[in-house]
């Protein structure tokens, strides 16, 4: 991941990560998904959502609303 980017969310459900990414975009927060497929079964694995460090706190607040 690029320097200065912070992981704010991760899940084994890529769709859930994409939904959170979309919600961040709606709040004007730039983000990027890094997918880590399993080496044996590529259709499973973890997806991580990153944002720039300056927006991390705001992004985490948005993520909290999804998790509640």
PDB file of N, CA and C in Angstrom:
ATOM      1  N   UNK A   1       0.848  -1.179   0.000  1.00  0.00           N
ATOM      2  CA  UNK A   1       0.000   0.000   0.000  1.00  0.00           C
ATOM      3  C   UNK A   1       0.892   1.241   0.000  1.00  0.00           C
ATOM      4  N   UNK A   2       0.361   2.287  -0.553  1.00  0.00           N
ATOM      5  CA  UNK A   2       1.124   3.538  -0.641  1.00  0.00           C
ATOM      6  C   UNK A   2       1.482   4.070   0.743  1.00  0.00           C
ATOM      7  N   UNK A   3       2.569   4.794   0.804  1.00  0.00           N
ATOM      8  CA  UNK A   3       2.999   5.395   2.054  1.00  0.00           C
ATOM      9  C   UNK A   3       1.977   6.441   2.499  1.00  0.00           C
ATOM     10  N   UNK A   4       1.670   6.466   3.788  1.00  0.00           N
ATOM     11  CA  UNK A   4       0.733   7.438   4.332  1.00  0.00           C
ATOM     12  C   UNK A   4      -0.717   6.979   4.313  1.00  0.00           C
ATOM     13  N   UNK A   5      -0.969   5.762   3.838  1.00  0.00           N
ATOM     14  CA  UNK A   5      -2.321   5.215   3.834  1.00  0.00           C
ATOM     15  C   UNK A   5      -2.485   4.317   5.060  1.00  0.00           C
ATOM     16  N   UNK A   6      -3.685   4.311   5.636  1.00  0.00           N
ATOM     17  CA  UNK A   6      -3.963   3.601   6.883  1.00  0.00           C
ATOM     18  C   UNK A   6      -5.110   2.620   6.656  1.00  0.00           C
ATOM     19  N   UNK A   7      -4.955   1.398   7.157  1.00  0.00           N
ATOM     20  CA  UNK A   7      -6.042   0.417   7.073  1.00  0.00           C
ATOM     21  C   UNK A   7      -7.124   0.804   8.075  1.00  0.00           C
ATOM     22  N   UNK A   8      -8.366   0.912   7.585  1.00  0.00           N
ATOM     23  CA  UNK A   8      -9.454   1.298   8.476  1.00  0.00           C
ATOM     24  C   UNK A   8     -10.535   0.234   8.595  1.00  0.00           C
ATOM     25  N   UNK A   9     -10.489  -0.758   7.695  1.00  0.00           N
ATOM     26  CA  UNK A   9     -11.537  -1.777   7.718  1.00  0.00           C
ATOM     27  C   UNK A   9     -11.036  -2.999   6.964  1.00  0.00           C
ATOM     28  N   UNK A  10     -11.461  -4.178   7.404  1.00  0.00           N
ATOM     29  CA  UNK A  10     -11.156  -5.407   6.666  1.00  0.00           C
ATOM     30  C   UNK A  10     -12.263  -6.417   6.905  1.00  0.00           C
ATOM     31  N   UNK A  11     -12.422  -7.302   5.941  1.00  0.00           N
ATOM     32  CA  UNK A  11     -13.450  -8.337   6.028  1.00  0.00           C
ATOM     33  C   UNK A  11     -13.129  -9.433   5.030  1.00  0.00           C
ATOM     34  N   UNK A  12     -13.654 -10.638   5.283  1.00  0.00           N
ATOM     35  CA  UNK A  12     -13.527 -11.707   4.300  1.00  0.00           C
ATOM     36  C   UNK A  12     -14.610 -11.564   3.230  1.00  0.00           C
ATOM     37  N   UNK A  13     -15.562 -10.655   3.460  1.00  0.00           N
ATOM     38  CA  UNK A  13     -16.650 -10.403   2.522  1.00  0.00           C
ATOM     39  C   UNK A  13     -16.319  -9.168   1.684  1.00  0.00           C
ATOM     40  N   UNK A  14     -15.866  -9.379   0.443  1.00  0.00           N
ATOM     41  CA  UNK A  14     -15.476  -8.280  -0.431  1.00  0.00           C
ATOM     42  C   UNK A  14     -16.630  -7.313  -0.680  1.00  0.00           C
ATOM     43  N   UNK A  15     -17.840  -7.834  -0.765  1.00  0.00           N
ATOM     44  CA  UNK A  15     -19.006  -6.966  -0.992  1.00  0.00           C
ATOM     45  C   UNK A  15     -19.181  -5.998   0.166  1.00  0.00           C
ATOM     46  N   UNK A  16     -18.998  -6.460   1.391  1.00  0.00           N
ATOM     47  CA  UNK A  16     -19.110  -5.585   2.556  1.00  0.00           C
ATOM     48  C   UNK A  16     -18.054  -4.481   2.500  1.00  0.00           C
ATOM     49  N   UNK A  17     -16.852  -4.824   2.104  1.00  0.00           N
ATOM     50  CA  UNK A  17     -15.778  -3.834   1.997  1.00  0.00           C
ATOM     51  C   UNK A  17     -16.123  -2.808   0.915  1.00  0.00           C
ATOM     52  N   UNK A  18     -16.683  -3.272  -0.197  1.00  0.00           N
ATOM     53  CA  UNK A  18     -17.076  -2.358  -1.268  1.00  0.00           C
ATOM     54  C   UNK A  18     -18.202  -1.422  -0.819  1.00  0.00           C
ATOM     55  N   UNK A  19     -19.110  -1.918  -0.008  1.00  0.00           N
ATOM     56  CA  UNK A  19     -20.189  -1.072   0.510  1.00  0.00           C
ATOM     57  C   UNK A  19     -19.637   0.021   1.425  1.00  0.00           C
ATOM     58  N   UNK A  20     -18.674  -0.344   2.260  1.00  0.00           N
ATOM     59  CA  UNK A  20     -18.043   0.643   3.135  1.00  0.00           C
ATOM     60  C   UNK A  20     -17.270   1.654   2.300  1.00  0.00           C
ATOM     61  N   UNK A  21     -16.583   1.190   1.265  1.00  0.00           N
ATOM     62  CA  UNK A  21     -15.860   2.096   0.367  1.00  0.00           C
ATOM     63  C   UNK A  21     -16.820   3.103  -0.272  1.00  0.00           C
ATOM     64  N   UNK A  22     -17.978   2.617  -0.717  1.00  0.00           N
ATOM     65  CA  UNK A  22     -18.972   3.495  -1.320  1.00  0.00           C
ATOM     66  C   UNK A  22     -19.483   4.528  -0.315  1.00  0.00           C
ATOM     67  N   UNK A  23     -19.711   4.104   0.906  1.00  0.00           N
ATOM     68  CA  UNK A  23     -20.162   5.025   1.951  1.00  0.00           C
ATOM     69  C   UNK A  23     -19.118   6.105   2.219  1.00  0.00           C
ATOM     70  N   UNK A  24     -17.843   5.720   2.225  1.00  0.00           N
ATOM     71  CA  UNK A  24     -16.782   6.713   2.412  1.00  0.00           C
ATOM     72  C   UNK A  24     -16.761   7.713   1.262  1.00  0.00           C
ATOM     73  N   UNK A  25     -16.963   7.229   0.033  1.00  0.00           N
ATOM     74  CA  UNK A  25     -17.011   8.123  -1.127  1.00  0.00           C
ATOM     75  C   UNK A  25     -18.148   9.128  -0.986  1.00  0.00           C
ATOM     76  N   UNK A  26     -19.291   8.672  -0.466  1.00  0.00           N
ATOM     77  CA  UNK A  26     -20.425   9.558  -0.249  1.00  0.00           C
ATOM     78  C   UNK A  26     -20.089  10.663   0.751  1.00  0.00           C
ATOM     79  N   UNK A  27     -19.136  10.391   1.640  1.00  0.00           N
ATOM     80  CA  UNK A  27     -18.697  11.375   2.627  1.00  0.00           C
ATOM     81  C   UNK A  27     -17.456  12.146   2.152  1.00  0.00           C
ATOM     82  N   UNK A  28     -17.077  11.938   0.903  1.00  0.00           N
ATOM     83  CA  UNK A  28     -15.939  12.654   0.333  1.00  0.00           C
ATOM     84  C   UNK A  28     -14.589  12.168   0.820  1.00  0.00           C
ATOM     85  N   UNK A  29     -14.523  10.910   1.247  1.00  0.00           N
ATOM     86  CA  UNK A  29     -13.277  10.334   1.763  1.00  0.00           C
ATOM     87  C   UNK A  29     -12.712   9.355   0.738  1.00  0.00           C
ATOM     88  N   UNK A  30     -11.516   9.642   0.278  1.00  0.00           N
ATOM     89  CA  UNK A  30     -10.849   8.772  -0.690  1.00  0.00           C
ATOM     90  C   UNK A  30     -10.413   7.482  -0.004  1.00  0.00           C
ATOM     91  N   UNK A  31     -10.618   6.361  -0.686  1.00  0.00           N
ATOM     92  CA  UNK A  31     -10.217   5.079  -0.117  1.00  0.00           C
ATOM     93  C   UNK A  31      -9.805   4.125  -1.236  1.00  0.00           C
ATOM     94  N   UNK A  32      -9.180   3.017  -0.835  1.00  0.00           N
ATOM     95  CA  UNK A  32      -8.708   2.024  -1.790  1.00  0.00           C
ATOM     96  C   UNK A  32      -8.807   0.641  -1.157  1.00  0.00           C
ATOM     97  N   UNK A  33      -9.264  -0.334  -1.946  1.00  0.00           N
ATOM     98  CA  UNK A  33      -9.384  -1.709  -1.475  1.00  0.00           C
ATOM     99  C   UNK A  33      -8.156  -2.504  -1.910  1.00  0.00           C
ATOM    100  N   UNK A  34      -7.607  -3.250  -0.972  1.00  0.00           N
ATOM    101  CA  UNK A  34      -6.518  -4.176  -1.256  1.00  0.00           C
ATOM    102  C   UNK A  34      -7.046  -5.576  -0.965  1.00  0.00           C
ATOM    103  N   UNK A  35      -7.157  -6.378  -2.000  1.00  0.00           N
ATOM    104  CA  UNK A  35      -7.693  -7.725  -1.857  1.00  0.00           C
ATOM    105  C   UNK A  35      -6.543  -8.711  -1.700  1.00  0.00           C
ATOM    106  N   UNK A  36      -6.686  -9.603  -0.734  1.00  0.00           N
ATOM    107  CA  UNK A  36      -5.664 -10.623  -0.482  1.00  0.00           C
ATOM    108  C   UNK A  36      -6.306 -11.996  -0.627  1.00  0.00           C
ATOM    109  N   UNK A  37      -6.397 -12.504  -1.863  1.00  0.00           N
ATOM    110  CA  UNK A  37      -7.020 -13.816  -2.062  1.00  0.00           C
ATOM    111  C   UNK A  37      -6.199 -14.936  -1.439  1.00  0.00           C
ATOM    112  N   UNK A  38      -6.891 -15.974  -1.019  1.00  0.00           N
ATOM    113  CA  UNK A  38      -6.241 -17.161  -0.480  1.00  0.00           C
ATOM    114  C   UNK A  38      -5.452 -17.838  -1.596  1.00  0.00           C
ATOM    115  N   UNK A  39      -4.274 -18.347  -1.285  1.00  0.00           N
ATOM    116  CA  UNK A  39      -3.433 -18.962  -2.317  1.00  0.00           C
ATOM    117  C   UNK A  39      -4.000 -20.287  -2.829  1.00  0.00           C
ATOM    118  N   UNK A  40      -4.783 -20.970  -2.022  1.00  0.00           N
ATOM    119  CA  UNK A  40      -5.342 -22.258  -2.424  1.00  0.00           C
ATOM    120  C   UNK A  40      -6.706 -22.070  -3.100  1.00  0.00           C
ATOM    121  N   UNK A  41      -7.540 -21.242  -2.490  1.00  0.00           N
ATOM    122  CA  UNK A  41      -8.877 -20.976  -3.033  1.00  0.00           C
ATOM    123  C   UNK A  41      -9.005 -19.463  -3.247  1.00  0.00           C
ATOM    124  N   UNK A  42      -8.681 -18.973  -4.438  1.00  0.00           N
ATOM    125  CA  UNK A  42      -8.644 -17.523  -4.692  1.00  0.00           C
ATOM    126  C   UNK A  42      -9.966 -16.796  -4.475  1.00  0.00           C
ATOM    127  N   UNK A  43     -11.084 -17.521  -4.502  1.00  0.00           N
ATOM    128  CA  UNK A  43     -12.370 -16.852  -4.317  1.00  0.00           C
ATOM    129  C   UNK A  43     -12.616 -16.457  -2.861  1.00  0.00           C
ATOM    130  N   UNK A  44     -11.769 -16.936  -1.952  1.00  0.00           N
ATOM    131  CA  UNK A  44     -11.885 -16.506  -0.557  1.00  0.00           C
ATOM    132  C   UNK A  44     -10.606 -15.791  -0.153  1.00  0.00           C
ATOM    133  N   UNK A  45     -10.687 -15.074   0.902  1.00  0.00           N
ATOM    134  CA  UNK A  45      -9.538 -14.318   1.389  1.00  0.00           C
ATOM    135  C   UNK A  45     -10.033 -13.035   2.030  1.00  0.00           C
ATOM    136  N   UNK A  46      -9.112 -12.207   2.434  1.00  0.00           N
ATOM    137  CA  UNK A  46      -9.468 -10.970   3.127  1.00  0.00           C
ATOM    138  C   UNK A  46      -9.293  -9.769   2.203  1.00  0.00           C
ATOM    139  N   UNK A  47     -10.210  -8.815   2.350  1.00  0.00           N
ATOM    140  CA  UNK A  47     -10.094  -7.547   1.641  1.00  0.00           C
ATOM    141  C   UNK A  47      -9.916  -6.454   2.690  1.00  0.00           C
ATOM    142  N   UNK A  48      -8.991  -5.536   2.427  1.00  0.00           N
ATOM    143  CA  UNK A  48      -8.709  -4.448   3.364  1.00  0.00           C
ATOM    144  C   UNK A  48      -9.015  -3.117   2.702  1.00  0.00           C
ATOM    145  N   UNK A  49      -9.524  -2.186   3.486  1.00  0.00           N
ATOM    146  CA  UNK A  49      -9.860  -0.861   2.992  1.00  0.00           C
ATOM    147  C   UNK A  49      -8.923   0.157   3.635  1.00  0.00           C
ATOM    148  N   UNK A  50      -8.287   0.961   2.800  1.00  0.00           N
ATOM    149  CA  UNK A  50      -7.319   1.951   3.246  1.00  0.00           C
ATOM    150  C   UNK A  50      -7.784   3.353   2.882  1.00  0.00           C
ATOM    151  N   UNK A  51      -7.346   4.328   3.672  1.00  0.00           N
ATOM    152  CA  UNK A  51      -7.562   5.734   3.360  1.00  0.00           C
ATOM    153  C   UNK A  51      -6.301   6.507   3.745  1.00  0.00           C
ATOM    154  N   UNK A  52      -6.234   7.743   3.306  1.00  0.00           N
ATOM    155  CA  UNK A  52      -5.070   8.563   3.652  1.00  0.00           C
ATOM    156  C   UNK A  52      -5.104   8.891   5.145  1.00  0.00           C
ATOM    157  N   UNK A  53      -3.943   9.013   5.734  1.00  0.00           N
ATOM    158  CA  UNK A  53      -3.828   9.200   7.182  1.00  0.00           C
ATOM    159  C   UNK A  53      -4.621  10.407   7.676  1.00  0.00           C
ATOM    160  N   UNK A  54      -4.649  11.482   6.881  1.00  0.00           N
ATOM    161  CA  UNK A  54      -5.351  12.702   7.300  1.00  0.00           C
ATOM    162  C   UNK A  54      -6.857  12.491   7.433  1.00  0.00           C
ATOM    163  N   UNK A  55      -7.394  11.491   6.742  1.00  0.00           N
ATOM    164  CA  UNK A  55      -8.841  11.227   6.769  1.00  0.00           C
ATOM    165  C   UNK A  55      -9.204  10.001   7.604  1.00  0.00           C
ATOM    166  N   UNK A  56      -8.206   9.352   8.199  1.00  0.00           N
ATOM    167  CA  UNK A  56      -8.443   8.088   8.896  1.00  0.00           C
ATOM    168  C   UNK A  56      -9.439   8.222  10.041  1.00  0.00           C
ATOM    169  N   UNK A  57      -9.309   9.242  10.849  1.00  0.00           N
ATOM    170  CA  UNK A  57     -10.214   9.400  11.995  1.00  0.00           C
ATOM    171  C   UNK A  57     -11.654   9.598  11.523  1.00  0.00           C
ATOM    172  N   UNK A  58     -11.836  10.457  10.539  1.00  0.00           N
ATOM    173  CA  UNK A  58     -13.176  10.695   9.985  1.00  0.00           C
ATOM    174  C   UNK A  58     -13.737   9.412   9.362  1.00  0.00           C
ATOM    175  N   UNK A  59     -12.890   8.686   8.661  1.00  0.00           N
ATOM    176  CA  UNK A  59     -13.309   7.433   8.031  1.00  0.00           C
ATOM    177  C   UNK A  59     -13.723   6.400   9.073  1.00  0.00           C
ATOM    178  N   UNK A  60     -12.982   6.315  10.159  1.00  0.00           N
ATOM    179  CA  UNK A  60     -13.328   5.366  11.222  1.00  0.00           C
ATOM    180  C   UNK A  60     -14.682   5.692  11.841  1.00  0.00           C
ATOM    181  N   UNK A  61     -15.011   6.964  11.937  1.00  0.00           N
ATOM    182  CA  UNK A  61     -16.328   7.363  12.448  1.00  0.00           C
ATOM    183  C   UNK A  61     -17.435   6.881  11.515  1.00  0.00           C
ATOM    184  N   UNK A  62     -17.200   6.989  10.215  1.00  0.00           N
ATOM    185  CA  UNK A  62     -18.173   6.509   9.233  1.00  0.00           C
ATOM    186  C   UNK A  62     -18.300   4.987   9.342  1.00  0.00           C
ATOM    187  N   UNK A  63     -17.192   4.295   9.477  1.00  0.00           N
ATOM    188  CA  UNK A  63     -17.202   2.828   9.592  1.00  0.00           C
ATOM    189  C   UNK A  63     -17.978   2.409  10.842  1.00  0.00           C
ATOM    190  N   UNK A  64     -17.849   3.148  11.924  1.00  0.00           N
ATOM    191  CA  UNK A  64     -18.577   2.837  13.164  1.00  0.00           C
ATOM    192  C   UNK A  64     -20.077   2.825  12.924  1.00  0.00           C
ATOM    193  N   UNK A  65     -20.572   3.750  12.112  1.00  0.00           N
ATOM    194  CA  UNK A  65     -22.018   3.808  11.853  1.00  0.00           C
ATOM    195  C   UNK A  65     -22.501   2.567  11.112  1.00  0.00           C
ATOM    196  N   UNK A  66     -21.636   1.978  10.303  1.00  0.00           N
ATOM    197  CA  UNK A  66     -21.982   0.758   9.573  1.00  0.00           C
ATOM    198  C   UNK A  66     -22.024  -0.430  10.519  1.00  0.00           C
ATOM    199  N   UNK A  67     -21.122  -0.459  11.482  1.00  0.00           N
ATOM    200  CA  UNK A  67     -20.991  -1.593  12.371  1.00  0.00           C
ATOM    201  C   UNK A  67     -22.018  -1.587  13.506  1.00  0.00           C
ATOM    202  N   UNK A  68     -22.701  -0.495  13.696  1.00  0.00           N
ATOM    203  CA  UNK A  68     -23.675  -0.415  14.799  1.00  0.00           C
ATOM    204  C   UNK A  68     -24.983  -1.048  14.436  1.00  0.00           C
TER     205      UNK A  68
END
